[in-house]
N, C-alpha and C. Protein backbone atom coordinates (compact mmCIF):
# COMPACT_ATOMS: atom_id res chain seq x y z
N MET A 1 32.65 93.71 -43.88
CA MET A 1 32.03 94.64 -44.79
C MET A 1 32.31 96.07 -44.15
N SER A 2 32.80 96.94 -44.96
CA SER A 2 33.14 98.33 -44.36
C SER A 2 31.92 99.15 -44.33
N GLU A 3 31.98 100.21 -43.60
CA GLU A 3 30.92 101.20 -43.48
C GLU A 3 30.59 101.83 -44.80
N VAL A 4 31.60 102.00 -45.63
CA VAL A 4 31.44 102.66 -47.00
C VAL A 4 30.58 101.64 -47.85
N ASP A 5 30.90 100.37 -47.71
CA ASP A 5 30.10 99.37 -48.49
C ASP A 5 28.65 99.36 -48.02
N ILE A 6 28.44 99.42 -46.88
CA ILE A 6 27.05 99.39 -46.28
C ILE A 6 26.32 100.65 -46.74
N LEU A 7 26.90 101.76 -46.67
CA LEU A 7 26.28 103.01 -47.13
C LEU A 7 26.00 103.00 -48.59
N TYR A 8 26.91 102.44 -49.35
CA TYR A 8 26.74 102.22 -50.83
C TYR A 8 25.55 101.38 -51.11
N GLN A 9 25.41 100.23 -50.43
CA GLN A 9 24.28 99.35 -50.56
C GLN A 9 23.00 99.97 -50.17
N ILE A 10 22.97 100.82 -49.11
CA ILE A 10 21.74 101.54 -48.70
C ILE A 10 21.34 102.50 -49.81
N SER A 11 22.29 103.18 -50.39
CA SER A 11 22.14 104.18 -51.45
C SER A 11 21.43 103.51 -52.57
N ASN A 12 22.01 102.27 -52.95
CA ASN A 12 21.43 101.47 -54.08
C ASN A 12 20.00 101.08 -53.79
N LEU A 13 19.78 100.65 -52.58
CA LEU A 13 18.39 100.21 -52.24
C LEU A 13 17.39 101.37 -52.30
N LYS A 14 17.82 102.53 -51.93
CA LYS A 14 16.98 103.73 -52.05
C LYS A 14 16.70 104.06 -53.50
N GLU A 15 17.67 103.96 -54.36
CA GLU A 15 17.41 104.19 -55.73
C GLU A 15 16.51 103.13 -56.36
N ILE A 16 16.64 101.89 -56.00
CA ILE A 16 15.80 100.86 -56.45
C ILE A 16 14.33 101.09 -56.03
N ASP A 17 14.20 101.45 -54.69
CA ASP A 17 12.88 101.71 -54.15
C ASP A 17 12.22 102.87 -54.91
N TYR A 18 12.98 103.89 -55.22
CA TYR A 18 12.45 105.09 -55.92
C TYR A 18 11.94 104.72 -57.30
N LYS A 19 12.72 103.88 -58.01
CA LYS A 19 12.38 103.48 -59.35
C LYS A 19 11.17 102.59 -59.28
N ASN A 20 11.11 101.60 -58.38
CA ASN A 20 9.91 100.78 -58.27
C ASN A 20 8.65 101.54 -57.91
N THR A 21 8.74 102.48 -57.06
CA THR A 21 7.64 103.38 -56.69
C THR A 21 7.19 104.22 -57.88
N LEU A 22 8.09 104.70 -58.69
CA LEU A 22 7.76 105.50 -59.81
C LEU A 22 7.07 104.64 -60.90
N VAL A 23 7.46 103.45 -61.08
CA VAL A 23 6.85 102.57 -62.07
C VAL A 23 5.45 102.23 -61.61
N LEU A 24 5.34 101.89 -60.30
CA LEU A 24 4.01 101.53 -59.74
C LEU A 24 3.09 102.65 -59.89
N THR A 25 3.47 103.86 -59.53
CA THR A 25 2.64 105.05 -59.62
C THR A 25 2.20 105.31 -61.03
N SER A 26 3.19 105.17 -61.97
CA SER A 26 2.81 105.34 -63.40
C SER A 26 1.78 104.33 -63.89
N LEU A 27 1.95 103.09 -63.47
CA LEU A 27 0.98 102.10 -63.90
C LEU A 27 -0.44 102.39 -63.35
N VAL A 28 -0.47 102.74 -62.08
CA VAL A 28 -1.78 103.13 -61.49
C VAL A 28 -2.45 104.32 -62.21
N GLU A 29 -1.70 105.30 -62.46
CA GLU A 29 -2.22 106.51 -63.11
C GLU A 29 -2.70 106.13 -64.54
N LEU A 30 -2.00 105.29 -65.25
CA LEU A 30 -2.48 104.85 -66.59
C LEU A 30 -3.71 104.07 -66.44
N LEU A 31 -3.80 103.16 -65.49
CA LEU A 31 -5.03 102.37 -65.31
C LEU A 31 -6.25 103.31 -65.04
N ILE A 32 -6.02 104.32 -64.17
CA ILE A 32 -7.09 105.25 -63.92
C ILE A 32 -7.40 106.12 -65.11
N ASP A 33 -6.36 106.59 -65.86
CA ASP A 33 -6.64 107.44 -67.02
C ASP A 33 -7.36 106.65 -68.12
N LYS A 34 -7.12 105.35 -68.21
CA LYS A 34 -7.80 104.51 -69.28
C LYS A 34 -9.14 104.00 -68.75
N GLY A 35 -9.54 104.26 -67.54
CA GLY A 35 -10.84 103.87 -67.05
C GLY A 35 -10.91 102.42 -66.62
N VAL A 36 -9.76 101.82 -66.37
CA VAL A 36 -9.77 100.45 -66.03
C VAL A 36 -10.13 100.28 -64.54
N ILE A 37 -9.69 101.16 -63.79
CA ILE A 37 -10.09 101.30 -62.36
C ILE A 37 -10.35 102.67 -62.06
N THR A 38 -11.03 102.94 -60.92
CA THR A 38 -11.21 104.36 -60.40
C THR A 38 -10.30 104.51 -59.20
N ARG A 39 -10.11 105.76 -58.90
CA ARG A 39 -9.27 106.16 -57.75
C ARG A 39 -9.98 105.60 -56.46
N LYS A 40 -11.31 105.67 -56.41
CA LYS A 40 -12.04 105.19 -55.24
C LYS A 40 -11.84 103.67 -55.06
N GLU A 41 -11.86 102.88 -56.16
CA GLU A 41 -11.68 101.50 -56.07
C GLU A 41 -10.23 101.13 -55.66
N LEU A 42 -9.29 101.90 -56.07
CA LEU A 42 -7.89 101.73 -55.62
C LEU A 42 -7.75 101.91 -54.17
N ILE A 43 -8.28 103.05 -53.71
CA ILE A 43 -8.23 103.37 -52.31
C ILE A 43 -8.91 102.27 -51.42
N SER A 44 -10.07 101.84 -51.89
CA SER A 44 -10.82 100.80 -51.20
C SER A 44 -10.05 99.53 -51.11
N LYS A 45 -9.42 99.05 -52.19
CA LYS A 45 -8.58 97.88 -52.16
C LYS A 45 -7.35 97.97 -51.35
N THR A 46 -6.75 99.18 -51.39
CA THR A 46 -5.57 99.43 -50.58
C THR A 46 -5.88 99.25 -49.11
N LYS A 47 -7.07 99.87 -48.62
CA LYS A 47 -7.46 99.80 -47.28
C LYS A 47 -7.82 98.30 -46.90
N GLU A 48 -8.45 97.58 -47.84
CA GLU A 48 -8.76 96.21 -47.61
C GLU A 48 -7.47 95.35 -47.32
N LEU A 49 -6.53 95.53 -48.27
CA LEU A 49 -5.32 94.76 -48.11
C LEU A 49 -4.49 95.13 -46.86
N ASP A 50 -4.54 96.41 -46.52
CA ASP A 50 -3.84 96.87 -45.31
C ASP A 50 -4.41 96.21 -44.10
N CYS A 51 -5.75 96.18 -44.09
CA CYS A 51 -6.45 95.54 -42.92
C CYS A 51 -6.04 94.09 -42.75
N ILE A 52 -5.95 93.39 -43.92
CA ILE A 52 -5.59 91.98 -43.95
C ILE A 52 -4.18 91.84 -43.37
N ALA A 53 -3.27 92.65 -43.84
CA ALA A 53 -1.85 92.66 -43.45
C ALA A 53 -1.68 92.92 -41.96
N VAL A 54 -2.48 93.88 -41.41
CA VAL A 54 -2.41 94.20 -39.97
C VAL A 54 -2.98 93.06 -39.15
N THR A 55 -4.01 92.40 -39.67
CA THR A 55 -4.57 91.21 -38.92
C THR A 55 -3.60 90.08 -38.92
N LEU A 56 -2.94 89.85 -40.01
CA LEU A 56 -1.98 88.72 -40.14
C LEU A 56 -0.79 88.99 -39.18
N GLU A 57 -0.37 90.27 -39.05
CA GLU A 57 0.77 90.54 -38.21
C GLU A 57 0.41 90.26 -36.71
N GLY A 58 -0.82 90.44 -36.35
CA GLY A 58 -1.24 90.12 -35.01
C GLY A 58 -1.40 88.75 -34.57
N GLU A 59 -1.31 87.90 -35.60
CA GLU A 59 -1.46 86.44 -35.31
C GLU A 59 -0.21 85.76 -34.74
């Protein structure tokens, strides 16, 4: 695989990551706007899951 191919694949991955992040952010904002969740609940759950992930990495 040539260096150009690798750089092209990295570029594609960055584009996919951007689009996924945009969709996820949009969904979260819609859920908050509609009162399904609060920003505080989202932050709390994010911290909780991050702690679990960190704990599992240490095992």
